[in-house]
Protein backbone atom coordinates (compact mmCIF):
# COMPACT_ATOMS: atom_id res chain seq x y z
CA UNK A 1 51.99 16.75 -39.38
CA UNK A 2 49.09 18.73 -40.91
CA UNK A 3 47.86 21.92 -39.44
CA UNK A 4 45.11 21.35 -36.86
CA UNK A 5 42.31 23.87 -36.48
CA UNK A 6 39.82 24.03 -33.58
CA UNK A 7 36.54 24.31 -35.36
CA UNK A 8 33.79 26.17 -33.33
CA UNK A 9 31.22 24.37 -35.52
CA UNK A 10 32.24 20.88 -34.46
CA UNK A 11 33.98 21.93 -31.09
CA UNK A 12 36.97 19.87 -31.89
CA UNK A 13 40.35 20.13 -33.69
CA UNK A 14 40.34 19.02 -37.10
CA UNK A 15 43.05 18.53 -39.86
CA UNK A 16 43.04 21.60 -42.18
CA UNK A 17 42.21 20.50 -45.67
CA UNK A 18 41.33 23.40 -47.81
CA UNK A 19 38.78 22.97 -50.50
CA UNK A 20 41.23 23.73 -53.28
CA UNK A 21 44.67 22.26 -52.92
CA UNK A 22 47.28 24.87 -52.08
CA UNK A 23 44.58 27.67 -51.86
CA UNK A 24 42.76 29.11 -48.78
CA UNK A 25 39.74 31.37 -48.75
CA UNK A 26 39.55 33.32 -45.47
CA UNK A 27 37.01 35.90 -44.23
CA UNK A 28 37.52 37.87 -40.98
CA UNK A 29 34.76 40.08 -39.70
CA UNK A 30 36.02 43.65 -39.65
CA UNK A 31 35.05 46.76 -37.57
CA UNK A 32 32.12 49.03 -37.51
CA UNK A 33 33.75 52.30 -38.32
CA UNK A 34 32.44 55.04 -36.05
CA UNK A 35 35.37 55.37 -33.62
CA UNK A 36 39.03 54.27 -33.13
CA UNK A 37 39.39 50.50 -32.55
CA UNK A 38 39.94 49.28 -28.92
CA UNK A 39 42.42 46.57 -28.02
CA UNK A 40 39.51 44.00 -28.15
CA UNK A 41 39.08 44.87 -31.71
CA UNK A 42 42.80 44.60 -32.28
CA UNK A 43 43.13 41.04 -31.05
CA UNK A 44 41.37 39.41 -33.99
CA UNK A 45 43.21 41.67 -36.36
CA UNK A 46 46.54 40.48 -34.87
CA UNK A 47 45.55 36.86 -34.45
CA UNK A 48 44.24 36.21 -37.90
CA UNK A 49 46.92 38.26 -39.55
CA UNK A 50 49.23 35.79 -37.96
CA UNK A 51 47.11 32.92 -39.06
CA UNK A 52 47.33 34.20 -42.66
CA UNK A 53 51.20 34.72 -42.31
CA UNK A 54 51.53 31.09 -41.10
CA UNK A 55 49.39 29.60 -43.81
CA UNK A 56 51.54 31.53 -46.38
CA UNK A 57 54.61 30.28 -44.65
CA UNK A 58 53.42 26.80 -45.17
CA UNK A 59 53.02 27.46 -48.79
CA UNK A 60 49.25 28.23 -49.16
CA UNK A 61 48.02 30.96 -51.52
CA UNK A 62 45.64 32.86 -49.12
CA UNK A 63 42.84 35.15 -50.27
CA UNK A 64 42.12 37.15 -47.18
CA UNK A 65 38.93 39.32 -47.05
CA UNK A 66 38.02 41.61 -44.13
CA UNK A 67 35.07 44.00 -44.33
CA UNK A 68 34.17 47.45 -42.99
CA UNK A 69 30.66 48.03 -41.74
CA UNK A 70 30.06 51.51 -42.86
CA UNK A 71 26.40 52.09 -42.25
CA UNK A 72 24.94 51.20 -38.94
CA UNK A 73 22.96 52.74 -36.01
CA UNK A 74 26.07 53.76 -34.09
CA UNK A 75 27.55 55.26 -37.15
CA UNK A 76 24.34 57.28 -38.00
CA UNK A 77 24.06 58.47 -34.25
CA UNK A 78 27.72 59.45 -34.07
CA UNK A 79 27.63 61.38 -37.35
CA UNK A 80 24.66 63.20 -36.04
CA UNK A 81 26.27 64.05 -32.82
CA UNK A 82 29.42 65.40 -34.55
CA UNK A 83 27.53 67.10 -37.36
CA UNK A 84 29.31 65.03 -39.96
CA UNK A 85 28.13 63.12 -43.10
CA UNK A 86 28.11 59.42 -42.59
CA UNK A 87 30.64 58.96 -45.51
CA UNK A 88 32.91 61.45 -43.98
CA UNK A 89 32.91 59.88 -40.62
CA UNK A 90 33.59 56.34 -41.94
CA UNK A 91 36.27 57.51 -44.25
CA UNK A 92 38.07 59.14 -41.33
CA UNK A 93 37.88 56.14 -39.09
CA UNK A 94 38.74 53.70 -41.85
CA UNK A 95 41.99 55.70 -42.30
CA UNK A 96 42.56 55.67 -38.54
CA UNK A 97 41.98 51.87 -38.62
CA UNK A 98 44.65 51.31 -41.20
CA UNK A 99 47.03 53.55 -39.10
CA UNK A 100 46.47 51.61 -36.01
CA UNK A 101 46.73 48.04 -37.54
CA UNK A 102 49.76 49.00 -39.52
CA UNK A 103 51.48 50.14 -36.41
CA UNK A 104 50.57 46.77 -35.00
CA UNK A 105 52.40 44.96 -37.80
CA UNK A 106 49.11 43.87 -39.56
CA UNK A 107 49.07 43.75 -43.45
CA UNK A 108 46.11 44.88 -45.33
CA UNK A 109 43.55 42.26 -46.47
CA UNK A 110 43.47 41.45 -50.23
CA UNK A 111 40.05 42.97 -50.25
CA UNK A 112 38.41 45.36 -47.71
CA UNK A 113 34.76 45.50 -48.94
CA UNK A 114 32.49 48.17 -47.59
CA UNK A 115 28.66 47.56 -47.05
CA UNK A 116 27.74 50.69 -48.98
CA UNK A 117 29.45 49.45 -52.14
CA UNK A 118 27.33 46.25 -51.99
CA UNK A 119 23.66 47.58 -51.47
CA UNK A 120 22.46 46.21 -54.78
CA UNK A 121 23.99 42.80 -54.02
CA UNK A 122 22.38 42.78 -50.49
CA UNK A 123 18.89 43.69 -51.89
CA UNK A 124 19.12 40.83 -54.51
CA UNK A 125 20.30 38.41 -51.77
CA UNK A 126 17.34 39.45 -49.53
CA UNK A 127 14.84 39.09 -52.45
CA UNK A 128 16.05 35.42 -52.94
CA UNK A 129 15.40 34.71 -49.32
CA UNK A 130 11.91 36.25 -49.53
CA UNK A 131 11.10 34.30 -52.61
CA UNK A 132 12.28 30.91 -50.88
CA UNK A 133 10.13 31.71 -47.80
CA UNK A 134 12.97 32.32 -45.47
CA UNK A 135 12.24 35.95 -45.18
CA UNK A 136 9.21 38.20 -44.90
CA UNK A 137 8.36 41.81 -45.08
CA UNK A 138 6.70 43.64 -42.26
CA UNK A 139 6.03 47.39 -42.23
CA UNK A 140 8.92 48.13 -44.52
CA UNK A 141 11.40 45.86 -42.58
CA UNK A 142 12.37 42.49 -43.82
CA UNK A 143 13.06 39.72 -41.21
CA UNK A 144 14.63 36.26 -41.43
CA UNK A 145 12.44 33.23 -40.22
CA UNK A 146 14.82 31.46 -37.97
CA UNK A 147 12.58 28.52 -37.27
CA UNK A 148 12.36 27.72 -40.99
CA UNK A 149 16.18 27.03 -41.19
CA UNK A 150 16.72 23.51 -39.72
CA UNK A 151 20.26 24.19 -38.79
CA UNK A 152 19.72 27.31 -36.80
CA UNK A 153 21.82 27.06 -33.53
CA UNK A 154 24.37 24.62 -34.89
CA UNK A 155 27.29 27.05 -34.44
CA UNK A 156 26.40 27.97 -30.77
CA UNK A 157 25.19 24.29 -30.27
CA UNK A 158 21.74 25.44 -28.90
CA UNK A 159 18.28 24.77 -30.12
CA UNK A 160 15.99 27.63 -31.19
CA UNK A 161 14.02 27.15 -28.02
CA UNK A 162 17.23 27.56 -25.85
CA UNK A 163 18.40 30.48 -27.84
CA UNK A 164 14.99 32.13 -27.50
CA UNK A 165 15.29 32.03 -23.66
CA UNK A 166 18.95 32.99 -23.60
CA UNK A 167 18.73 35.86 -26.09
CA UNK A 168 16.12 37.70 -24.19
CA UNK A 169 14.78 39.39 -27.19
CA UNK A 170 11.56 41.24 -26.78
CA UNK A 171 8.70 40.25 -28.82
CA UNK A 172 8.30 42.83 -31.44
CA UNK A 173 4.96 43.65 -33.06
CA UNK A 174 6.65 43.41 -36.47
CA UNK A 175 8.04 39.95 -35.89
CA UNK A 176 6.57 36.48 -36.30
CA UNK A 177 9.11 35.21 -33.71
CA UNK A 178 11.37 36.93 -31.23
CA UNK A 179 14.49 35.34 -32.81
CA UNK A 180 13.79 36.52 -36.19
CA UNK A 181 16.37 39.14 -37.16
CA UNK A 182 16.39 42.16 -39.58
CA UNK A 183 17.68 41.73 -43.05
CA UNK A 184 16.47 45.13 -44.16
CA UNK A 185 15.45 48.09 -42.01
CA UNK A 186 12.90 50.77 -43.13
CA UNK A 187 14.46 54.13 -43.12
CA UNK A 188 13.76 56.65 -40.47
CA UNK A 189 13.35 60.33 -41.27
CA UNK A 190 16.68 61.97 -42.02
CA UNK A 191 18.65 58.80 -42.20
CA UNK A 192 20.79 57.62 -44.96
CA UNK A 193 18.82 55.05 -47.06
CA UNK A 194 18.63 53.22 -50.35
CA UNK A 195 15.59 52.20 -52.43
CA UNK A 196 14.43 48.61 -52.33
CA UNK A 197 11.36 46.58 -53.22
CA UNK A 198 10.24 47.03 -49.58
CA UNK A 199 10.77 50.82 -49.66
CA UNK A 200 13.59 53.01 -48.60
CA UNK A 201 16.01 51.62 -46.02
CA UNK A 202 19.34 50.08 -45.25
CA UNK A 203 20.71 46.56 -44.58
CA UNK A 204 20.60 44.73 -41.28
CA UNK A 205 24.01 44.02 -39.77
CA UNK A 206 24.15 40.14 -40.37
CA UNK A 207 23.25 40.14 -43.96
CA UNK A 208 26.27 42.32 -44.85
CA UNK A 209 28.96 39.81 -44.27
CA UNK A 210 26.85 37.00 -45.87
CA UNK A 211 26.73 39.13 -49.12
CA UNK A 212 30.30 40.50 -49.09
CA UNK A 213 31.82 37.02 -48.24
CA UNK A 214 29.91 35.38 -51.14
CA UNK A 215 30.88 38.21 -53.58
CA UNK A 216 34.49 37.85 -52.86
CA UNK A 217 35.00 34.23 -51.95
CA UNK A 218 32.13 32.30 -53.42
CA UNK A 219 29.35 30.21 -51.72
CA UNK A 220 31.73 28.42 -49.58
CA UNK A 221 34.91 29.54 -47.88
CA UNK A 222 37.59 27.63 -46.02
CA UNK A 223 37.82 29.83 -42.99
CA UNK A 224 35.50 32.31 -41.30
CA UNK A 225 36.88 33.99 -38.23
CA UNK A 226 36.22 36.73 -35.70
CA UNK A 227 35.94 37.54 -32.03
CA UNK A 228 34.14 35.11 -29.70
CA UNK A 229 31.46 37.76 -29.18
CA UNK A 230 30.46 37.22 -32.83
CA UNK A 231 29.60 33.51 -32.63
CA UNK A 232 26.02 34.28 -31.63
CA UNK A 233 24.05 35.83 -33.08
CA UNK A 234 26.20 37.35 -35.88
CA UNK A 235 27.89 34.23 -37.34
CA UNK A 236 24.92 32.00 -36.48
CA UNK A 237 22.73 34.31 -38.50
CA UNK A 238 25.34 34.47 -41.34
CA UNK A 239 25.11 30.70 -41.55
CA UNK A 240 21.27 30.63 -41.68
CA UNK A 241 21.15 33.40 -44.39
CA UNK A 242 23.90 31.98 -46.61
CA UNK A 243 23.02 28.40 -46.36
CA UNK A 244 19.36 28.94 -46.96
CA UNK A 245 20.26 31.18 -50.04
CA UNK A 246 22.79 28.81 -51.72
CA UNK A 247 22.10 25.42 -50.33
CA UNK A 248 25.75 25.01 -49.59
CA UNK A 249 27.94 25.07 -46.44
CA UNK A 250 29.00 28.66 -45.71
CA UNK A 251 32.31 27.92 -44.23
CA UNK A 252 34.23 24.70 -43.49
CA UNK A 253 36.25 26.05 -40.39
CA UNK A 254 34.97 28.63 -37.90
CA UNK A 255 37.68 30.31 -35.75
CA UNK A 256 36.91 32.60 -32.72
CA UNK A 257 39.44 34.33 -30.53
CA UNK A 258 38.95 34.90 -26.83
CA UNK A 259 38.14 38.12 -24.94
CA UNK A 260 40.58 40.73 -23.51
CA UNK A 261 40.13 41.68 -19.79
CA UNK A 262 41.67 44.83 -18.24
CA UNK A 263 43.34 44.07 -14.89
CA UNK A 264 41.20 40.82 -14.58
CA UNK A 265 37.95 42.75 -15.29
CA UNK A 266 35.90 42.65 -18.44
CA UNK A 267 36.68 45.67 -20.73
CA UNK A 268 33.69 47.98 -20.94
CA UNK A 269 32.93 51.66 -21.24
CA UNK A 270 30.79 51.46 -18.13
CA UNK A 271 33.88 50.54 -16.01
CA UNK A 272 35.96 53.26 -17.62
CA UNK A 273 38.58 50.65 -18.67
CA UNK A 274 38.05 50.94 -22.48
CA UNK A 275 41.47 51.13 -24.09
CA UNK A 276 41.75 52.47 -27.68
CA UNK A 277 44.69 51.46 -29.77
CA UNK A 278 45.16 54.92 -30.94
CA UNK A 279 45.88 55.95 -27.29
CA UNK A 280 47.76 52.91 -26.01
CA UNK A 281 50.30 52.77 -28.92
CA UNK A 282 51.45 56.28 -27.85
CA UNK A 283 52.45 54.76 -24.49
CA UNK A 284 53.50 51.25 -25.52
CA UNK A 285 55.63 50.12 -28.52
CA UNK A 286 52.99 48.55 -30.87
CA UNK A 287 55.31 45.68 -31.41
CA UNK A 288 55.30 44.99 -27.72
CA UNK A 289 51.48 45.11 -27.79
CA UNK A 290 51.45 42.50 -30.67
CA UNK A 291 54.05 40.26 -28.82
CA UNK A 292 51.90 40.53 -25.74
CA UNK A 293 48.65 39.54 -27.43
CA UNK A 294 50.36 36.57 -29.25
CA UNK A 295 51.92 35.46 -26.01
CA UNK A 296 48.50 33.74 -25.19
CA UNK A 297 46.91 31.13 -27.43
CA UNK A 298 44.18 32.80 -29.43
CA UNK A 299 41.20 30.95 -27.98
CA UNK A 300 42.06 31.85 -24.35
CA UNK A 301 41.34 35.09 -22.70
CA UNK A 302 44.02 37.62 -22.43
CA UNK A 303 44.56 39.79 -19.24
CA UNK A 304 45.91 43.15 -20.02
CA UNK A 305 47.91 44.82 -17.30
CA UNK A 306 50.93 47.02 -17.17
CA UNK A 307 52.97 44.31 -15.41
CA UNK A 308 52.21 41.76 -18.06
CA UNK A 309 52.85 44.24 -20.87
CA UNK A 310 56.25 45.08 -19.22
CA UNK A 311 57.06 41.38 -19.08
CA UNK A 312 56.34 41.06 -22.76
CA UNK A 313 58.50 44.05 -23.46
CA UNK A 314 61.40 42.57 -21.55
CA UNK A 315 60.96 39.19 -23.35
CA UNK A 316 60.79 40.83 -26.74
CA UNK A 317 63.98 42.82 -25.95
CA UNK A 318 65.75 39.57 -24.96
CA UNK A 319 65.10 38.24 -28.39
CA UNK A 320 66.09 41.36 -30.18
CA UNK A 321 69.38 41.43 -28.13
CA UNK A 322 70.34 37.94 -29.13
CA UNK A 323 69.42 38.70 -32.83
CA UNK A 324 71.53 41.91 -32.76
CA UNK A 325 74.45 40.07 -31.28
CA UNK A 326 74.33 37.49 -33.89
CA UNK A 327 74.28 40.14 -36.63
CA UNK A 328 77.18 41.93 -35.07
CA UNK A 329 79.27 38.69 -34.77
CA UNK A 330 78.59 37.91 -38.37
CA UNK A 331 80.83 40.74 -39.44
CA UNK A 332 83.81 38.92 -38.01
CA UNK A 333 83.03 35.31 -38.38
CA UNK A 334 84.96 32.60 -40.11
CA UNK A 335 83.41 30.07 -42.62
CA UNK A 336 84.51 26.77 -41.12
CA UNK A 337 84.33 25.09 -37.71
CA UNK A 338 84.47 21.61 -36.24
CA UNK A 339 80.96 21.93 -34.52
CA UNK A 340 79.12 23.56 -37.37
CA UNK A 341 76.83 20.52 -38.17
CA UNK A 342 75.78 20.11 -34.45
CA UNK A 343 74.83 23.76 -34.06
CA UNK A 344 72.92 23.92 -37.36
CA UNK A 345 71.02 20.84 -36.44
CA UNK A 346 69.98 22.55 -33.09
CA UNK A 347 68.87 25.57 -34.86
CA UNK A 348 66.83 23.49 -37.34
CA UNK A 349 65.26 21.63 -34.40
CA UNK A 350 64.00 24.95 -33.00
CA UNK A 351 62.34 25.69 -36.32
CA UNK A 352 60.70 22.32 -36.41
CA UNK A 353 59.39 22.89 -32.85
CA UNK A 354 57.99 26.21 -33.89
CA UNK A 355 56.19 24.59 -36.70
CA UNK A 356 54.75 21.94 -34.40
CA UNK A 357 53.47 24.69 -32.14
CA UNK A 358 51.84 26.60 -34.99
CA UNK A 359 50.44 23.52 -36.50
CA UNK A 360 48.63 22.79 -33.30
CA UNK A 361 45.71 25.32 -33.82
CA UNK A 362 48.18 28.24 -34.41
CA UNK A 363 49.49 28.07 -30.68
CA UNK A 364 51.61 31.24 -30.68
CA UNK A 365 52.22 30.95 -26.87
CA UNK A 366 54.20 27.76 -27.53
CA UNK A 367 55.67 29.15 -30.58
CA UNK A 368 57.03 32.17 -28.69
CA UNK A 369 58.48 29.83 -26.07
CA UNK A 370 60.38 28.25 -28.97
CA UNK A 371 61.65 31.74 -30.03
CA UNK A 372 63.00 32.28 -26.49
CA UNK A 373 64.70 28.89 -26.71
CA UNK A 374 66.30 29.94 -29.94
CA UNK A 375 67.45 33.21 -28.41
CA UNK A 376 69.02 31.20 -25.44
CA UNK A 377 70.65 28.86 -27.88
CA UNK A 378 72.07 31.77 -29.80
CA UNK A 379 73.49 33.26 -26.61
CA UNK A 380 75.21 30.07 -25.74
CA UNK A 381 76.58 29.74 -29.15
CA UNK A 382 77.98 33.33 -29.10
CA UNK A 383 80.12 32.36 -26.09
CA UNK A 384 82.08 29.88 -28.36
CA UNK A 385 85.54 31.01 -29.13
CA UNK A 386 85.27 30.37 -32.84
CA UNK A 387 81.83 30.89 -34.39
CA UNK A 388 81.17 30.09 -38.12
CA UNK A 389 79.49 32.16 -40.60
CA UNK A 390 77.13 29.43 -41.86
CA UNK A 391 75.79 28.86 -38.32
CA UNK A 392 75.27 32.42 -37.59
CA UNK A 393 73.46 32.97 -40.97
CA UNK A 394 71.26 30.10 -40.12
CA UNK A 395 70.45 31.58 -36.68
CA UNK A 396 69.63 34.96 -38.33
CA UNK A 397 67.63 33.44 -41.06
CA UNK A 398 65.63 31.35 -38.66
CA UNK A 399 64.87 34.37 -36.48
CA UNK A 400 63.80 36.26 -39.70
CA UNK A 401 61.53 33.46 -40.82
CA UNK A 402 59.88 32.79 -37.47
CA UNK A 403 59.61 36.39 -36.32
CA UNK A 404 58.09 37.21 -39.67
CA UNK A 405 55.41 34.59 -39.14
CA UNK A 406 54.48 36.41 -35.92
CA UNK A 407 54.49 39.70 -37.73
CA UNK A 408 57.49 41.08 -35.75
CA UNK A 409 60.30 41.29 -38.28
CA UNK A 410 63.51 42.80 -37.07
CA UNK A 411 64.50 46.04 -38.67
CA UNK A 412 68.10 46.44 -39.73
CA UNK A 413 67.86 50.08 -38.46
CA UNK A 414 71.74 50.41 -38.23
CA UNK A 415 71.72 50.60 -41.99
CA UNK A 416 69.39 53.62 -41.78
CA UNK A 417 71.33 55.84 -39.38
CA UNK A 418 71.97 59.32 -40.54
CA UNK A 419 75.55 59.92 -41.51
CA UNK A 420 75.95 62.38 -38.45
CA UNK A 421 74.92 59.72 -36.04
CA UNK A 422 77.15 57.09 -37.67
CA UNK A 423 79.98 59.53 -37.30
CA UNK A 424 79.28 60.08 -33.58
CA UNK A 425 79.31 56.33 -32.93
CA UNK A 426 82.58 55.94 -34.56
CA UNK A 427 83.94 58.99 -32.64
CA UNK A 428 82.88 57.44 -29.39
CA UNK A 429 84.62 54.19 -30.27
CA UNK A 430 87.70 56.12 -31.05
CA UNK A 431 87.42 58.12 -27.81
CA UNK A 432 87.09 54.89 -25.79
CA UNK A 433 90.29 53.39 -27.59
CA UNK A 434 92.10 56.55 -26.42
CA UNK A 435 90.56 56.40 -23.01
CA UNK A 436 88.88 59.71 -23.40
CA UNK A 437 85.98 58.62 -21.37
CA UNK A 438 84.63 62.22 -20.77
CA UNK A 439 84.19 62.57 -24.54
CA UNK A 440 82.79 59.00 -24.81
CA UNK A 441 80.11 59.77 -22.14
CA UNK A 442 79.32 63.13 -23.83
CA UNK A 443 78.56 61.34 -27.11
CA UNK A 444 76.44 58.61 -25.38
CA UNK A 445 74.28 61.47 -23.79
CA UNK A 446 74.14 63.29 -27.14
CA UNK A 447 72.96 60.05 -29.05
CA UNK A 448 70.47 59.48 -26.10
CA UNK A 449 68.84 62.76 -26.69
CA UNK A 450 68.31 61.65 -30.25
CA UNK A 451 66.64 58.55 -29.20
CA UNK A 452 69.78 56.21 -29.79
CA UNK A 453 70.69 53.98 -26.82
CA UNK A 454 74.21 52.50 -26.94
CA UNK A 455 75.04 49.21 -25.15
CA UNK A 456 78.58 48.01 -24.71
CA UNK A 457 78.58 44.18 -24.87
CA UNK A 458 81.17 41.46 -25.14
CA UNK A 459 80.69 41.49 -28.91
CA UNK A 460 81.19 45.25 -29.13
CA UNK A 461 78.96 48.34 -29.01
CA UNK A 462 75.34 47.90 -30.16
CA UNK A 463 72.71 50.49 -30.45
CA UNK A 464 68.90 50.54 -30.41
CA UNK A 465 66.24 53.21 -30.51
CA UNK A 466 65.09 54.09 -26.96
């Protein structure tokens, strides 16, 4: 079965057929860097990092581009408030972004272009649109003529008349039409700016992604992705600009993830429920946060609550426990067994079910259900009197492969223990053999103080970081 992607452009699932066999060009809209990212920003980063991982798992060579908007009204205003240069502010929050998303298990994009590195390209792009009659200058600003582009509204599936009513954009004296949007903004006194044929100024928001995507992925890409809030007007405007400029489709597949609610309410600063990743990851294991976000299919809304996060934590721990028990049993396993083929077939069936789930529009919710089934199967197998090395290895390898796709690889932290901690664990085992339970309890508490939690199981003593 081929991968099926729900395409916002056509509003249906379509077989994924990249333009070039074996290669995928993918662009994901990145953050405007004037603050730490919130969990709403984190969702597309996690979701589309997982999409990239699965495409690579399926053998595709993925070129993944995600931008930074590093000049913007919010950036300029925040820099003024804090008394910083714009570049200092954006550098600081770009570094903070990388720290947050790395903690969430997200790899860097192949390219992270910045707007300020593409000003000349943006000016040239806008000049072409002006020359073609799709844009016009007005008092130092340059606007895009939405009514000139016949396809305007095809992503949001509305006509320009419907959008004009829904957008509620005030008629501006500089614009020919209320839906026209800025490609270039005339500089205000004291603001960062660049020279252009229309005077000093800076780019409008929408033009930035059109230019950076084209520079790094060409006229047409396979996948353009981002949050649901970007579909209109941002992505609609990108299509209008890019296709007017090149005469070619901008993207073949459009993917949009759903919103995050906080305790069943929309997240917003006004409600005081605005959750920054930099804050929440100090309270919640970032792996748990990633597991929680992936527990819902990406197009559906996610409700963030302490109870649901706690449930995700418990679920992830169940999987980790099954994996740890498999690794522990491997140390004493035999090579042969009468039921080896039957169990290996069951493990392979789980792997295939995982692929079916992910092939269906990257349904991580169903994929995680398969992971739970694999963990349950492992626990049943570990009750067998005679386990076989080949079966245990297949279990472990399958967990490694599938959790790797989800960006949640298991760490063999036992191999990284300090020599002193290893010695204490061995001493405790010896104390238990000698029925010196007082010393055994003392060592348990000593290790607990160092963040090492011991669990005595039927398979022996395991440990984890608490």
